[in-house]
Amino acid sequence: MAERLVVAPSQRVSSESERGIEPSRRRSNGRRDVDAQPVTPKRSFRLPEVVIGVMLVAGCALAAVLWQQHTNTTETVVVAARSIARGTVVTAADLGGAQIGGETSALITGDQASILLGQIAVVDIPVGSPLSMALVTDEQPLGADEALTSMALEPGQMPPDLAPNDHVRIIVTASAGATGVASTQLLESEAVVWSVELSQDGVSTVVTVRGPLTLSTDVAAAVAVRLARVDG
C-alpha cells in the first residue's frame, strides 16, 4: 500500500494586526507617513494694495460730498418779472430776481441786471424765465418794410476797412438793355452794414446790409455792385 505525502508549512507567518502594527502607521525606509496631512501655506498680506484701495474709496467719498455741496449752492439770477414780447425794449419793470442752483454761468446774475436795460428781446420770454444775453440784442428788430441783403464783393468794390454799423450807399450796374449799354446808378436808399465776413473761397467778402425792401430788389437785379461809405 503506497504512503500518502502531506506537506505542511514549516513556519507560521503572522499578520500585521497580530504583531501589533497598524497598517496606517507603517513606515518604509524612513519616509514620512503616507497619510500625513499637507501643510497649508500662509496667505501673504500685501499692504500697498490695501492702502490704494482705501485711498480710492476715500477719494470717491470726497468727490460725492463736493458734488453735493455744489448742487446745493444757489445764486441770485435775473428772471423775467412779467412776459416780455419779442421786439420789446427791456426796462427795470421787466426784471426780477430768483435763487437758482446748479450751473448758472450763462445766466445774468443779480449784480449784472443793468446790462439788460435798453436791450431788445429777440424772442417771446415767458414770466419767470432766467435771462441770458442770448435772448436779447441791442439791434432794433427788422421792420415790416426792411430786409437784410447780402452781396459778395471783390477787392475794390468796397472800402477795405468796412465794418458793422457803417452807413453805406449802394452803386449798382444794370445789365445792358436794348441799347446795348449798361447803366450805373447810385441807389437813393441808405443802408447800414450788418456783418462783414470772408467768403469760403478766401477771395471775396460777403457784406450784409440792412435797408429797405426795394434795395434788395435793386441789388438782385444788378450785374455788379459797389459800396460807398457815408456819414451816418
Protein backbone atom coordinates (compact mmCIF):
# COMPACT_ATOMS: atom_id res chain seq x y z
CA MET A 1 0.00 0.00 0.00
CA ALA A 2 1.53 3.40 -1.01
CA GLU A 3 2.10 6.05 1.65
CA ARG A 4 0.29 9.50 1.40
CA LEU A 5 2.55 12.59 1.44
CA VAL A 6 1.34 15.62 3.35
CA VAL A 7 3.33 18.89 3.12
CA ALA A 8 2.82 21.39 5.96
CA PRO A 9 4.33 24.92 6.30
CA SER A 10 7.49 24.89 8.27
CA GLN A 11 6.89 28.42 9.81
CA ARG A 12 3.80 30.41 10.54
CA VAL A 13 3.73 33.96 9.25
CA SER A 14 1.71 36.23 11.49
CA SER A 15 -0.35 39.13 10.14
CA GLU A 16 0.36 42.78 10.90
CA SER A 17 -2.58 43.00 13.22
CA GLU A 18 -1.40 40.04 15.19
CA ARG A 19 2.04 41.67 15.56
CA GLY A 20 0.53 44.88 16.91
CA ILE A 21 1.44 47.03 13.90
CA GLU A 22 -1.21 49.38 12.47
CA PRO A 23 -1.25 49.43 8.67
CA SER A 24 -1.66 53.17 8.51
CA ARG A 25 1.40 53.71 10.68
CA ARG A 26 3.77 51.53 8.73
CA ARG A 27 6.90 53.35 7.53
CA SER A 28 9.11 52.34 4.68
CA ASN A 29 12.83 53.19 4.59
CA GLY A 30 12.41 56.09 6.99
CA ARG A 31 9.96 58.08 4.77
CA ARG A 32 7.01 60.20 6.12
CA ASP A 33 3.62 58.65 6.69
CA VAL A 34 1.61 58.32 3.56
CA ASP A 35 -1.45 59.51 5.49
CA ALA A 36 0.20 62.70 6.83
CA GLN A 37 -1.89 65.82 6.12
CA PRO A 38 -0.36 68.50 3.77
CA VAL A 39 0.75 71.76 5.28
CA THR A 40 -1.46 74.72 4.25
CA PRO A 41 0.70 77.70 3.11
CA LYS A 42 0.08 81.02 4.88
CA ARG A 43 -1.71 83.70 2.85
CA SER A 44 0.52 86.65 2.03
CA PHE A 45 -0.63 90.15 3.03
CA ARG A 46 0.15 92.93 0.52
CA LEU A 47 -0.08 96.25 2.30
CA PRO A 48 0.31 98.60 -0.73
CA GLU A 49 -2.80 97.25 -2.48
CA VAL A 50 -4.88 97.71 0.64
CA VAL A 51 -3.68 101.29 1.04
CA ILE A 52 -4.51 102.10 -2.60
CA GLY A 53 -7.98 100.64 -2.18
CA VAL A 54 -8.64 102.74 0.91
CA MET A 55 -7.43 105.88 -0.88
CA LEU A 56 -9.72 105.24 -3.85
CA VAL A 57 -12.75 104.77 -1.60
CA ALA A 58 -11.90 107.94 0.34
CA GLY A 59 -11.44 109.90 -2.90
CA CYS A 60 -14.81 108.81 -4.26
CA ALA A 61 -16.49 109.73 -0.99
CA LEU A 62 -14.87 113.20 -1.03
CA ALA A 63 -15.93 113.79 -4.66
CA ALA A 64 -19.52 112.86 -3.78
CA VAL A 65 -19.53 115.31 -0.87
CA LEU A 66 -18.14 118.15 -3.02
CA TRP A 67 -20.66 117.46 -5.78
CA GLN A 68 -23.49 117.51 -3.27
CA GLN A 69 -22.29 120.83 -1.87
CA HIS A 70 -22.07 122.28 -5.40
CA THR A 71 -25.61 121.24 -6.30
CA ASN A 72 -26.91 122.70 -3.05
CA THR A 73 -25.32 126.12 -3.78
CA THR A 74 -27.74 128.73 -5.09
CA GLU A 75 -27.17 132.10 -6.74
CA THR A 76 -29.38 135.08 -7.46
CA VAL A 77 -30.06 135.45 -11.19
CA VAL A 78 -32.24 137.82 -13.21
CA VAL A 79 -35.61 136.47 -14.38
CA ALA A 80 -38.50 137.97 -16.31
CA ALA A 81 -40.85 139.64 -13.83
CA ARG A 82 -43.55 139.53 -16.50
CA SER A 83 -43.96 138.23 -20.02
CA ILE A 84 -41.71 140.08 -22.48
CA ALA A 85 -42.86 140.10 -26.09
CA ARG A 86 -40.43 139.82 -28.99
CA GLY A 87 -39.18 143.24 -30.06
CA THR A 88 -39.89 144.83 -26.65
CA VAL A 89 -37.27 147.12 -25.12
CA VAL A 90 -36.35 145.73 -21.70
CA THR A 91 -36.96 148.05 -18.74
CA ALA A 92 -36.43 147.73 -14.98
CA ALA A 93 -40.08 146.75 -14.58
CA ASP A 94 -39.45 143.65 -16.70
CA LEU A 95 -36.73 142.30 -14.38
CA GLY A 96 -36.87 140.34 -11.16
CA GLY A 97 -34.61 138.05 -9.14
CA ALA A 98 -34.69 134.38 -8.18
CA GLN A 99 -32.45 131.89 -6.38
CA ILE A 100 -31.31 129.11 -8.72
CA GLY A 101 -28.98 126.18 -8.01
CA GLY A 102 -26.66 124.29 -10.30
CA GLU A 103 -24.91 125.70 -13.37
CA THR A 104 -25.63 129.43 -13.77
CA SER A 105 -22.58 130.69 -15.70
CA ALA A 106 -24.65 131.50 -18.83
CA LEU A 107 -27.26 133.49 -16.89
CA ILE A 108 -27.29 137.13 -15.82
CA THR A 109 -26.58 137.41 -12.09
CA GLY A 110 -28.36 139.93 -9.90
CA ASP A 111 -25.43 142.35 -9.76
CA GLN A 112 -25.33 142.48 -13.60
CA ALA A 113 -29.01 143.29 -14.17
CA SER A 114 -28.26 146.77 -15.51
CA ILE A 115 -26.71 145.38 -18.70
CA LEU A 116 -30.18 144.21 -19.78
CA LEU A 117 -31.73 147.68 -19.66
CA GLY A 118 -32.40 149.02 -23.15
CA GLN A 119 -31.84 145.64 -24.79
CA ILE A 120 -34.45 144.25 -27.19
CA ALA A 121 -35.99 140.81 -26.78
CA VAL A 122 -35.36 138.63 -29.83
CA VAL A 123 -37.93 136.01 -28.76
CA ASP A 124 -41.03 135.92 -26.57
CA ILE A 125 -39.83 135.45 -22.96
CA PRO A 126 -42.33 133.87 -20.51
CA VAL A 127 -42.65 135.23 -16.98
CA GLY A 128 -40.16 133.68 -14.56
CA SER A 129 -37.67 132.66 -17.26
CA PRO A 130 -33.98 133.16 -16.34
CA LEU A 131 -32.42 135.74 -18.66
CA SER A 132 -29.24 135.50 -20.69
CA MET A 133 -27.66 137.69 -23.36
CA ALA A 134 -28.73 135.14 -26.00
CA LEU A 135 -32.35 136.26 -25.50
CA VAL A 136 -31.74 139.94 -26.21
CA THR A 137 -29.92 142.19 -28.65
CA ASP A 138 -29.03 145.84 -28.90
CA GLU A 139 -30.21 145.91 -32.53
CA GLN A 140 -33.69 147.06 -33.39
CA PRO A 141 -35.71 144.25 -34.99
CA LEU A 142 -36.40 144.49 -38.69
CA GLY A 143 -39.44 146.46 -39.62
CA ALA A 144 -42.15 145.26 -41.96
CA ASP A 145 -40.57 147.19 -44.85
CA GLU A 146 -36.95 146.21 -44.09
CA ALA A 147 -34.71 143.33 -45.18
CA LEU A 148 -31.16 142.06 -44.87
CA THR A 149 -29.35 141.99 -48.22
CA SER A 150 -26.09 140.08 -48.76
CA MET A 151 -23.62 140.53 -51.60
CA ALA A 152 -20.22 139.01 -52.44
CA LEU A 153 -17.78 141.79 -53.26
CA GLU A 154 -14.29 141.72 -54.70
CA PRO A 155 -11.45 143.97 -53.51
CA GLY A 156 -12.10 147.48 -54.92
CA GLN A 157 -15.87 147.12 -54.70
CA MET A 158 -15.98 148.17 -51.05
CA PRO A 159 -13.87 150.18 -48.56
CA PRO A 160 -11.08 147.91 -47.25
CA ASP A 161 -11.85 148.75 -43.62
CA LEU A 162 -15.61 148.36 -43.85
CA ALA A 163 -17.13 147.27 -40.53
CA PRO A 164 -20.56 146.55 -38.99
CA ASN A 165 -22.73 149.63 -38.26
CA ASP A 166 -21.07 151.64 -41.05
CA HIS A 167 -23.53 153.59 -43.19
CA VAL A 168 -23.22 152.98 -46.94
CA ARG A 169 -24.76 153.89 -50.26
CA ILE A 170 -25.01 151.22 -52.95
CA ILE A 171 -23.97 151.69 -56.56
CA VAL A 172 -25.49 149.17 -58.98
CA THR A 173 -24.78 148.43 -62.60
CA ALA A 174 -27.74 147.12 -64.56
CA SER A 175 -27.44 144.76 -67.50
CA ALA A 176 -27.36 146.22 -70.99
CA GLY A 177 -30.81 146.75 -72.39
CA ALA A 178 -31.95 147.19 -75.97
CA THR A 179 -29.36 149.91 -76.46
CA GLY A 180 -26.55 147.53 -75.54
CA VAL A 181 -25.17 149.97 -72.99
CA ALA A 182 -25.05 149.08 -69.28
CA SER A 183 -26.26 151.77 -66.90
CA THR A 184 -24.87 152.59 -63.47
CA GLN A 185 -26.74 154.43 -60.75
CA LEU A 186 -26.48 155.33 -57.09
CA LEU A 187 -29.42 153.94 -55.16
CA GLU A 188 -31.31 156.54 -53.21
CA SER A 189 -31.80 154.49 -50.05
CA GLU A 190 -29.07 154.40 -47.41
CA ALA A 191 -28.14 151.11 -45.75
CA VAL A 192 -26.37 150.05 -42.56
CA VAL A 193 -23.73 147.30 -42.60
CA TRP A 194 -24.95 144.30 -40.59
CA SER A 195 -21.95 141.99 -40.96
CA VAL A 196 -18.70 141.61 -42.91
CA GLU A 197 -17.34 138.08 -43.41
CA LEU A 198 -14.71 136.50 -45.63
CA SER A 199 -16.29 134.06 -48.08
CA GLN A 200 -15.32 130.40 -48.31
CA ASP A 201 -13.23 130.98 -51.44
CA GLY A 202 -10.98 133.31 -49.43
CA VAL A 203 -11.08 135.96 -52.17
CA SER A 204 -14.41 137.75 -51.99
CA THR A 205 -16.06 139.27 -48.93
CA VAL A 206 -19.72 138.75 -48.07
CA VAL A 207 -21.26 142.00 -46.84
CA THR A 208 -24.76 142.01 -45.39
CA VAL A 209 -26.61 145.33 -45.11
CA ARG A 210 -29.87 146.34 -43.52
CA GLY A 211 -32.15 148.52 -45.58
CA PRO A 212 -35.49 148.88 -47.37
CA LEU A 213 -37.06 146.01 -49.29
CA THR A 214 -36.67 147.96 -52.54
CA LEU A 215 -32.91 147.96 -52.02
CA SER A 216 -32.87 144.15 -52.03
CA THR A 217 -34.76 144.11 -55.31
CA ASP A 218 -32.32 146.54 -56.96
CA VAL A 219 -29.26 144.59 -55.77
CA ALA A 220 -30.70 141.30 -57.00
CA ALA A 221 -31.26 142.74 -60.49
CA ALA A 222 -27.77 144.25 -60.79
CA VAL A 223 -24.85 142.63 -62.59
CA ALA A 224 -22.30 144.48 -60.46
CA VAL A 225 -22.44 146.16 -57.05
CA ARG A 226 -20.17 148.59 -55.22
CA LEU A 227 -20.42 150.15 -51.76
CA ALA A 228 -19.56 153.68 -50.76
CA ARG A 229 -19.32 154.60 -47.09
CA VAL A 230 -21.14 157.76 -45.94
CA ASP A 231 -21.51 159.58 -42.66
CA GLY A 232 -24.26 158.10 -40.54
